PDB file of N, CA and C in Angstrom:
ATOM      1  N   UNK A   1       0.844  -1.172   0.000  1.00  0.00           N
ATOM      2  CA  UNK A   1       0.000   0.000   0.000  1.00  0.00           C
ATOM      3  C   UNK A   1       0.894   1.241   0.000  1.00  0.00           C
ATOM      4  N   UNK A   2       0.594   2.178  -0.875  1.00  0.00           N
ATOM      5  CA  UNK A   2       1.420   3.372  -1.018  1.00  0.00           C
ATOM      6  C   UNK A   2       0.668   4.577  -0.451  1.00  0.00           C
ATOM      7  N   UNK A   3       1.227   5.177   0.612  1.00  0.00           N
ATOM      8  CA  UNK A   3       0.610   6.342   1.242  1.00  0.00           C
ATOM      9  C   UNK A   3       1.241   7.614   0.695  1.00  0.00           C
ATOM     10  N   UNK A   4       0.424   8.633   0.537  1.00  0.00           N
ATOM     11  CA  UNK A   4       0.971   9.898   0.048  1.00  0.00           C
ATOM     12  C   UNK A   4       1.644  10.640   1.205  1.00  0.00           C
ATOM     13  N   UNK A   5       2.474  11.567   0.848  1.00  0.00           N
ATOM     14  CA  UNK A   5       3.209  12.346   1.840  1.00  0.00           C
ATOM     15  C   UNK A   5       2.254  13.183   2.682  1.00  0.00           C
ATOM     16  N   UNK A   6       1.237  13.725   2.079  1.00  0.00           N
ATOM     17  CA  UNK A   6       0.265  14.556   2.798  1.00  0.00           C
ATOM     18  C   UNK A   6      -0.500  13.711   3.818  1.00  0.00           C
ATOM     19  N   UNK A   7      -0.881  12.499   3.456  1.00  0.00           N
ATOM     20  CA  UNK A   7      -1.596  11.613   4.373  1.00  0.00           C
ATOM     21  C   UNK A   7      -0.734  11.281   5.587  1.00  0.00           C
ATOM     22  N   UNK A   8       0.528  10.967   5.368  1.00  0.00           N
ATOM     23  CA  UNK A   8       1.433  10.630   6.464  1.00  0.00           C
ATOM     24  C   UNK A   8       1.633  11.840   7.374  1.00  0.00           C
ATOM     25  N   UNK A   9       1.766  13.016   6.778  1.00  0.00           N
ATOM     26  CA  UNK A   9       1.956  14.244   7.558  1.00  0.00           C
ATOM     27  C   UNK A   9       0.726  14.539   8.401  1.00  0.00           C
ATOM     28  N   UNK A  10      -0.459  14.433   7.800  1.00  0.00           N
ATOM     29  CA  UNK A  10      -1.693  14.704   8.536  1.00  0.00           C
ATOM     30  C   UNK A  10      -1.931  13.672   9.632  1.00  0.00           C
ATOM     31  N   UNK A  11      -1.617  12.419   9.392  1.00  0.00           N
ATOM     32  CA  UNK A  11      -1.767  11.389  10.421  1.00  0.00           C
ATOM     33  C   UNK A  11      -0.804  11.638  11.590  1.00  0.00           C
ATOM     34  N   UNK A  12       0.405  12.056  11.282  1.00  0.00           N
ATOM     35  CA  UNK A  12       1.374  12.362  12.346  1.00  0.00           C
ATOM     36  C   UNK A  12       0.927  13.541  13.188  1.00  0.00           C
ATOM     37  N   UNK A  13       0.478  14.604  12.522  1.00  0.00           N
ATOM     38  CA  UNK A  13       0.011  15.776  13.269  1.00  0.00           C
ATOM     39  C   UNK A  13      -1.257  15.469  14.049  1.00  0.00           C
ATOM     40  N   UNK A  14      -2.120  14.645  13.486  1.00  0.00           N
ATOM     41  CA  UNK A  14      -3.339  14.257  14.188  1.00  0.00           C
ATOM     42  C   UNK A  14      -3.034  13.434  15.429  1.00  0.00           C
ATOM     43  N   UNK A  15      -2.067  12.528  15.315  1.00  0.00           N
ATOM     44  CA  UNK A  15      -1.671  11.716  16.465  1.00  0.00           C
ATOM     45  C   UNK A  15      -1.094  12.585  17.574  1.00  0.00           C
ATOM     46  N   UNK A  16      -0.235  13.518  17.221  1.00  0.00           N
ATOM     47  CA  UNK A  16       0.358  14.421  18.215  1.00  0.00           C
ATOM     48  C   UNK A  16      -0.723  15.286  18.842  1.00  0.00           C
ATOM     49  N   UNK A  17      -1.635  15.817  18.046  1.00  0.00           N
ATOM     50  CA  UNK A  17      -2.721  16.647  18.567  1.00  0.00           C
ATOM     51  C   UNK A  17      -3.588  15.854  19.533  1.00  0.00           C
ATOM     52  N   UNK A  18      -3.933  14.625  19.172  1.00  0.00           N
ATOM     53  CA  UNK A  18      -4.743  13.777  20.039  1.00  0.00           C
ATOM     54  C   UNK A  18      -4.013  13.484  21.353  1.00  0.00           C
ATOM     55  N   UNK A  19      -2.722  13.222  21.276  1.00  0.00           N
ATOM     56  CA  UNK A  19      -1.933  12.970  22.492  1.00  0.00           C
ATOM     57  C   UNK A  19      -1.893  14.178  23.401  1.00  0.00           C
ATOM     58  N   UNK A  20      -1.741  15.355  22.819  1.00  0.00           N
ATOM     59  CA  UNK A  20      -1.704  16.576  23.631  1.00  0.00           C
ATOM     60  C   UNK A  20      -3.056  16.856  24.284  1.00  0.00           C
ATOM     61  N   UNK A  21      -4.135  16.606  23.558  1.00  0.00           N
ATOM     62  CA  UNK A  21      -5.472  16.790  24.137  1.00  0.00           C
ATOM     63  C   UNK A  21      -5.666  15.829  25.301  1.00  0.00           C
ATOM     64  N   UNK A  22      -5.210  14.589  25.160  1.00  0.00           N
ATOM     65  CA  UNK A  22      -5.310  13.622  26.258  1.00  0.00           C
ATOM     66  C   UNK A  22      -4.505  14.076  27.475  1.00  0.00           C
ATOM     67  N   UNK A  23      -3.311  14.609  27.253  1.00  0.00           N
ATOM     68  CA  UNK A  23      -2.500  15.115  28.363  1.00  0.00           C
ATOM     69  C   UNK A  23      -3.190  16.278  29.071  1.00  0.00           C
ATOM     70  N   UNK A  24      -3.793  17.187  28.324  1.00  0.00           N
ATOM     71  CA  UNK A  24      -4.488  18.325  28.918  1.00  0.00           C
ATOM     72  C   UNK A  24      -5.660  17.847  29.765  1.00  0.00           C
ATOM     73  N   UNK A  25      -6.422  16.892  29.244  1.00  0.00           N
ATOM     74  CA  UNK A  25      -7.582  16.382  29.988  1.00  0.00           C
ATOM     75  C   UNK A  25      -7.128  15.683  31.265  1.00  0.00           C
ATOM     76  N   UNK A  26      -6.094  14.858  31.176  1.00  0.00           N
ATOM     77  CA  UNK A  26      -5.606  14.149  32.352  1.00  0.00           C
ATOM     78  C   UNK A  26      -5.062  15.093  33.415  1.00  0.00           C
ATOM     79  N   UNK A  27      -4.281  16.094  33.020  1.00  0.00           N
ATOM     80  CA  UNK A  27      -3.740  17.029  34.013  1.00  0.00           C
ATOM     81  C   UNK A  27      -4.841  17.875  34.634  1.00  0.00           C
ATOM     82  N   UNK A  28      -5.851  18.224  33.864  1.00  0.00           N
ATOM     83  CA  UNK A  28      -6.971  18.984  34.427  1.00  0.00           C
ATOM     84  C   UNK A  28      -7.730  18.156  35.450  1.00  0.00           C
ATOM     85  N   UNK A  29      -8.003  16.890  35.119  1.00  0.00           N
ATOM     86  CA  UNK A  29      -8.710  16.021  36.059  1.00  0.00           C
ATOM     87  C   UNK A  29      -7.906  15.788  37.332  1.00  0.00           C
ATOM     88  N   UNK A  30      -6.620  15.504  37.193  1.00  0.00           N
ATOM     89  CA  UNK A  30      -5.790  15.286  38.368  1.00  0.00           C
ATOM     90  C   UNK A  30      -5.637  16.561  39.194  1.00  0.00           C
ATOM     91  N   UNK A  31      -5.579  17.704  38.532  1.00  0.00           N
ATOM     92  CA  UNK A  31      -5.509  18.968  39.254  1.00  0.00           C
ATOM     93  C   UNK A  31      -6.756  19.222  40.078  1.00  0.00           C
ATOM     94  N   UNK A  32      -7.906  18.880  39.538  1.00  0.00           N
ATOM     95  CA  UNK A  32      -9.149  19.060  40.284  1.00  0.00           C
ATOM     96  C   UNK A  32      -9.246  18.088  41.441  1.00  0.00           C
ATOM     97  N   UNK A  33      -8.810  16.847  41.222  1.00  0.00           N
ATOM     98  CA  UNK A  33      -8.849  15.852  42.299  1.00  0.00           C
ATOM     99  C   UNK A  33      -7.898  16.257  43.428  1.00  0.00           C
ATOM    100  N   UNK A  34      -6.683  16.632  43.076  1.00  0.00           N
ATOM    101  CA  UNK A  34      -5.712  17.042  44.097  1.00  0.00           C
ATOM    102  C   UNK A  34      -6.099  18.374  44.713  1.00  0.00           C
ATOM    103  N   UNK A  35      -6.754  19.236  43.967  1.00  0.00           N
ATOM    104  CA  UNK A  35      -7.180  20.536  44.494  1.00  0.00           C
ATOM    105  C   UNK A  35      -8.212  20.383  45.589  1.00  0.00           C
ATOM    106  N   UNK A  36      -9.067  19.382  45.484  1.00  0.00           N
ATOM    107  CA  UNK A  36     -10.056  19.149  46.533  1.00  0.00           C
ATOM    108  C   UNK A  36      -9.376  18.735  47.821  1.00  0.00           C
ATOM    109  N   UNK A  37      -8.402  17.844  47.724  1.00  0.00           N
ATOM    110  CA  UNK A  37      -7.680  17.414  48.920  1.00  0.00           C
ATOM    111  C   UNK A  37      -6.897  18.571  49.512  1.00  0.00           C
ATOM    112  N   UNK A  38      -6.248  19.353  48.679  1.00  0.00           N
ATOM    113  CA  UNK A  38      -5.466  20.490  49.151  1.00  0.00           C
ATOM    114  C   UNK A  38      -6.375  21.523  49.791  1.00  0.00           C
ATOM    115  N   UNK A  39      -7.547  21.746  49.226  1.00  0.00           N
ATOM    116  CA  UNK A  39      -8.478  22.727  49.767  1.00  0.00           C
ATOM    117  C   UNK A  39      -8.968  22.282  51.137  1.00  0.00           C
ATOM    118  N   UNK A  40      -9.204  21.000  51.335  1.00  0.00           N
ATOM    119  CA  UNK A  40      -9.652  20.496  52.628  1.00  0.00           C
ATOM    120  C   UNK A  40      -8.563  20.679  53.677  1.00  0.00           C
ATOM    121  N   UNK A  41      -7.317  20.435  53.302  1.00  0.00           N
ATOM    122  CA  UNK A  41      -6.206  20.621  54.235  1.00  0.00           C
ATOM    123  C   UNK A  41      -6.036  22.098  54.560  1.00  0.00           C
ATOM    124  N   UNK A  42      -6.144  22.959  53.565  1.00  0.00           N
ATOM    125  CA  UNK A  42      -5.992  24.393  53.777  1.00  0.00           C
ATOM    126  C   UNK A  42      -7.105  24.920  54.671  1.00  0.00           C
ATOM    127  N   UNK A  43      -8.331  24.461  54.474  1.00  0.00           N
ATOM    128  CA  UNK A  43      -9.449  24.905  55.287  1.00  0.00           C
ATOM    129  C   UNK A  43      -9.247  24.491  56.736  1.00  0.00           C
ATOM    130  N   UNK A  44      -8.750  23.291  56.958  1.00  0.00           N
ATOM    131  CA  UNK A  44      -8.490  22.837  58.324  1.00  0.00           C
ATOM    132  C   UNK A  44      -7.383  23.655  58.966  1.00  0.00           C
ATOM    133  N   UNK A  45      -6.378  24.015  58.202  1.00  0.00           N
ATOM    134  CA  UNK A  45      -5.275  24.806  58.748  1.00  0.00           C
ATOM    135  C   UNK A  45      -5.727  26.227  59.062  1.00  0.00           C
ATOM    136  N   UNK A  46      -6.625  26.774  58.271  1.00  0.00           N
ATOM    137  CA  UNK A  46      -7.094  28.137  58.508  1.00  0.00           C
ATOM    138  C   UNK A  46      -8.020  28.183  59.722  1.00  0.00           C
ATOM    139  N   UNK A  47      -8.814  27.136  59.919  1.00  0.00           N
ATOM    140  CA  UNK A  47      -9.768  27.152  61.018  1.00  0.00           C
ATOM    141  C   UNK A  47      -9.090  27.109  62.378  1.00  0.00           C
ATOM    142  N   UNK A  48      -7.888  26.547  62.472  1.00  0.00           N
ATOM    143  CA  UNK A  48      -7.170  26.481  63.740  1.00  0.00           C
ATOM    144  C   UNK A  48      -5.790  27.118  63.582  1.00  0.00           C
ATOM    145  N   UNK A  49      -5.720  28.447  63.591  1.00  0.00           N
ATOM    146  CA  UNK A  49      -4.419  29.086  63.394  1.00  0.00           C
ATOM    147  C   UNK A  49      -3.527  28.923  64.615  1.00  0.00           C
ATOM    148  N   UNK A  50      -2.265  28.705  64.356  1.00  0.00           N
ATOM    149  CA  UNK A  50      -1.294  28.578  65.431  1.00  0.00           C
ATOM    150  C   UNK A  50      -0.652  29.933  65.690  1.00  0.00           C
ATOM    151  N   UNK A  51      -0.312  30.169  66.938  1.00  0.00           N
ATOM    152  CA  UNK A  51       0.336  31.429  67.297  1.00  0.00           C
ATOM    153  C   UNK A  51       1.756  31.438  66.756  1.00  0.00           C
ATOM    154  N   UNK A  52       2.149  32.553  66.176  1.00  0.00           N
ATOM    155  CA  UNK A  52       3.496  32.670  65.628  1.00  0.00           C
ATOM    156  C   UNK A  52       4.489  32.794  66.772  1.00  0.00           C
ATOM    157  N   UNK A  53       5.577  32.019  66.735  1.00  0.00           N
ATOM    158  CA  UNK A  53       6.546  32.098  67.826  1.00  0.00           C
ATOM    159  C   UNK A  53       7.301  33.419  67.786  1.00  0.00           C
ATOM    160  N   UNK A  54       7.560  33.953  68.951  1.00  0.00           N
ATOM    161  CA  UNK A  54       8.316  35.204  69.050  1.00  0.00           C
ATOM    162  C   UNK A  54       9.783  34.912  68.754  1.00  0.00           C
ATOM    163  N   UNK A  55      10.387  35.753  67.948  1.00  0.00           N
ATOM    164  CA  UNK A  55      11.775  35.566  67.550  1.00  0.00           C
ATOM    165  C   UNK A  55      12.652  36.440  68.429  1.00  0.00           C
ATOM    166  N   UNK A  56      13.599  35.807  69.092  1.00  0.00           N
ATOM    167  CA  UNK A  56      14.561  36.543  69.898  1.00  0.00           C
ATOM    168  C   UNK A  56      15.637  37.094  68.965  1.00  0.00           C
ATOM    169  N   UNK A  57      15.828  38.386  68.966  1.00  0.00           N
ATOM    170  CA  UNK A  57      16.743  39.049  68.028  1.00  0.00           C
ATOM    171  C   UNK A  57      18.173  38.568  68.219  1.00  0.00           C
ATOM    172  N   UNK A  58      18.604  38.367  69.459  1.00  0.00           N
ATOM    173  CA  UNK A  58      19.978  37.932  69.708  1.00  0.00           C
ATOM    174  C   UNK A  58      20.196  36.499  69.213  1.00  0.00           C
ATOM    175  N   UNK A  59      19.201  35.636  69.401  1.00  0.00           N
ATOM    176  CA  UNK A  59      19.332  34.273  68.912  1.00  0.00           C
ATOM    177  C   UNK A  59      19.353  34.238  67.384  1.00  0.00           C
ATOM    178  N   UNK A  60      18.575  35.107  66.769  1.00  0.00           N
ATOM    179  CA  UNK A  60      18.556  35.186  65.316  1.00  0.00           C
ATOM    180  C   UNK A  60      19.913  35.621  64.770  1.00  0.00           C
ATOM    181  N   UNK A  61      20.499  36.641  65.366  1.00  0.00           N
ATOM    182  CA  UNK A  61      21.814  37.126  64.921  1.00  0.00           C
ATOM    183  C   UNK A  61      22.880  36.067  65.160  1.00  0.00           C
ATOM    184  N   UNK A  62      22.785  35.339  66.270  1.00  0.00           N
ATOM    185  CA  UNK A  62      23.747  34.274  66.545  1.00  0.00           C
ATOM    186  C   UNK A  62      23.640  33.161  65.505  1.00  0.00           C
ATOM    187  N   UNK A  63      22.419  32.816  65.126  1.00  0.00           N
ATOM    188  CA  UNK A  63      22.230  31.772  64.126  1.00  0.00           C
ATOM    189  C   UNK A  63      22.741  32.215  62.760  1.00  0.00           C
ATOM    190  N   UNK A  64      22.470  33.457  62.389  1.00  0.00           N
ATOM    191  CA  UNK A  64      22.937  33.982  61.099  1.00  0.00           C
ATOM    192  C   UNK A  64      24.457  34.029  61.056  1.00  0.00           C
ATOM    193  N   UNK A  65      25.078  34.522  62.128  1.00  0.00           N
ATOM    194  CA  UNK A  65      26.538  34.612  62.139  1.00  0.00           C
ATOM    195  C   UNK A  65      27.171  33.220  62.144  1.00  0.00           C
ATOM    196  N   UNK A  66      26.560  32.254  62.817  1.00  0.00           N
ATOM    197  CA  UNK A  66      27.095  30.891  62.802  1.00  0.00           C
ATOM    198  C   UNK A  66      27.013  30.293  61.401  1.00  0.00           C
ATOM    199  N   UNK A  67      25.913  30.558  60.689  1.00  0.00           N
ATOM    200  CA  UNK A  67      25.777  30.047  59.328  1.00  0.00           C
ATOM    201  C   UNK A  67      26.794  30.685  58.393  1.00  0.00           C
ATOM    202  N   UNK A  68      26.999  31.987  58.541  1.00  0.00           N
ATOM    203  CA  UNK A  68      27.976  32.678  57.696  1.00  0.00           C
ATOM    204  C   UNK A  68      29.382  32.178  57.994  1.00  0.00           C
ATOM    205  N   UNK A  69      29.715  31.996  59.278  1.00  0.00           N
ATOM    206  CA  UNK A  69      31.041  31.509  59.650  1.00  0.00           C
ATOM    207  C   UNK A  69      31.272  30.101  59.109  1.00  0.00           C
ATOM    208  N   UNK A  70      30.255  29.262  59.154  1.00  0.00           N
ATOM    209  CA  UNK A  70      30.380  27.905  58.625  1.00  0.00           C
ATOM    210  C   UNK A  70      30.596  27.920  57.121  1.00  0.00           C
ATOM    211  N   UNK A  71      29.877  28.795  56.433  1.00  0.00           N
ATOM    212  CA  UNK A  71      30.000  28.870  54.985  1.00  0.00           C
ATOM    213  C   UNK A  71      31.366  29.411  54.566  1.00  0.00           C
ATOM    214  N   UNK A  72      31.851  30.408  55.293  1.00  0.00           N
ATOM    215  CA  UNK A  72      33.139  31.010  54.953  1.00  0.00           C
ATOM    216  C   UNK A  72      34.319  30.201  55.479  1.00  0.00           C
ATOM    217  N   UNK A  73      34.066  29.322  56.439  1.00  0.00           N
ATOM    218  CA  UNK A  73      35.144  28.527  57.009  1.00  0.00           C
ATOM    219  C   UNK A  73      36.000  29.319  57.977  1.00  0.00           C
ATOM    220  N   UNK A  74      35.434  30.328  58.608  1.00  0.00           N
ATOM    221  CA  UNK A  74      36.171  31.151  59.558  1.00  0.00           C
ATOM    222  C   UNK A  74      35.594  30.964  60.960  1.00  0.00           C
ATOM    223  N   UNK A  75      36.214  31.624  61.906  1.00  0.00           N
ATOM    224  CA  UNK A  75      35.731  31.603  63.287  1.00  0.00           C
ATOM    225  C   UNK A  75      34.593  32.608  63.436  1.00  0.00           C
ATOM    226  N   UNK A  76      33.670  32.311  64.324  1.00  0.00           N
ATOM    227  CA  UNK A  76      32.501  33.168  64.493  1.00  0.00           C
ATOM    228  C   UNK A  76      32.876  34.521  65.106  1.00  0.00           C
ATOM    229  N   UNK A  77      34.020  34.590  65.807  1.00  0.00           N
ATOM    230  CA  UNK A  77      34.423  35.866  66.426  1.00  0.00           C
ATOM    231  C   UNK A  77      34.880  36.872  65.385  1.00  0.00           C
ATOM    232  N   UNK A  78      35.183  36.414  64.173  1.00  0.00           N
ATOM    233  CA  UNK A  78      35.628  37.316  63.120  1.00  0.00           C
ATOM    234  C   UNK A  78      34.489  37.930  62.323  1.00  0.00           C
ATOM    235  N   UNK A  79      33.260  37.650  62.711  1.00  0.00           N
ATOM    236  CA  UNK A  79      32.109  38.166  61.974  1.00  0.00           C
ATOM    237  C   UNK A  79      31.357  39.156  62.838  1.00  0.00           C
ATOM    238  N   UNK A  80      31.047  40.311  62.259  1.00  0.00           N
ATOM    239  CA  UNK A  80      30.269  41.333  62.966  1.00  0.00           C
ATOM    240  C   UNK A  80      29.061  41.694  62.106  1.00  0.00           C
ATOM    241  N   UNK A  81      27.895  41.448  62.632  1.00  0.00           N
ATOM    242  CA  UNK A  81      26.664  41.801  61.940  1.00  0.00           C
ATOM    243  C   UNK A  81      26.169  43.115  62.502  1.00  0.00           C
ATOM    244  N   UNK A  82      26.066  44.122  61.635  1.00  0.00           N
ATOM    245  CA  UNK A  82      25.690  45.447  62.087  1.00  0.00           C
ATOM    246  C   UNK A  82      24.179  45.649  62.119  1.00  0.00           C
ATOM    247  N   UNK A  83      23.461  45.074  61.148  1.00  0.00           N
ATOM    248  CA  UNK A  83      22.010  45.234  61.146  1.00  0.00           C
ATOM    249  C   UNK A  83      21.377  44.065  60.408  1.00  0.00           C
ATOM    250  N   UNK A  84      20.123  43.800  60.758  1.00  0.00           N
ATOM    251  CA  UNK A  84      19.348  42.751  60.119  1.00  0.00           C
ATOM    252  C   UNK A  84      18.032  43.368  59.692  1.00  0.00           C
ATOM    253  N   UNK A  85      17.735  43.273  58.391  1.00  0.00           N
ATOM    254  CA  UNK A  85      16.486  43.817  57.852  1.00  0.00           C
ATOM    255  C   UNK A  85      15.660  42.689  57.269  1.00  0.00           C
ATOM    256  N   UNK A  86      14.385  42.676  57.568  1.00  0.00           N
ATOM    257  CA  UNK A  86      13.488  41.680  57.028  1.00  0.00           C
ATOM    258  C   UNK A  86      13.137  42.056  55.604  1.00  0.00           C
ATOM    259  N   UNK A  87      13.255  41.099  54.700  1.00  0.00           N
ATOM    260  CA  UNK A  87      12.947  41.358  53.292  1.00  0.00           C
ATOM    261  C   UNK A  87      11.536  40.990  52.968  1.00  0.00           C
TER     262      UNK A  87
END
């Protein structure tokens, strides 16, 4: 059987189009299914809010300077943090 070039091209594009439509449908369905579970978890978390822990400024600076000293491979006494700004 001899197929024309146009027939082969159209069949290839049709197959790819059909595959992409199937992927879109599957991801939409899975997104809706997972969205329901996520929404239930989010609603439960919102209904019982936890109190935010108070941050001790000195402990925060100590933790930051220890991380910087570890990364640089130096002693913590060689690091001076002048200010900390929340971004």
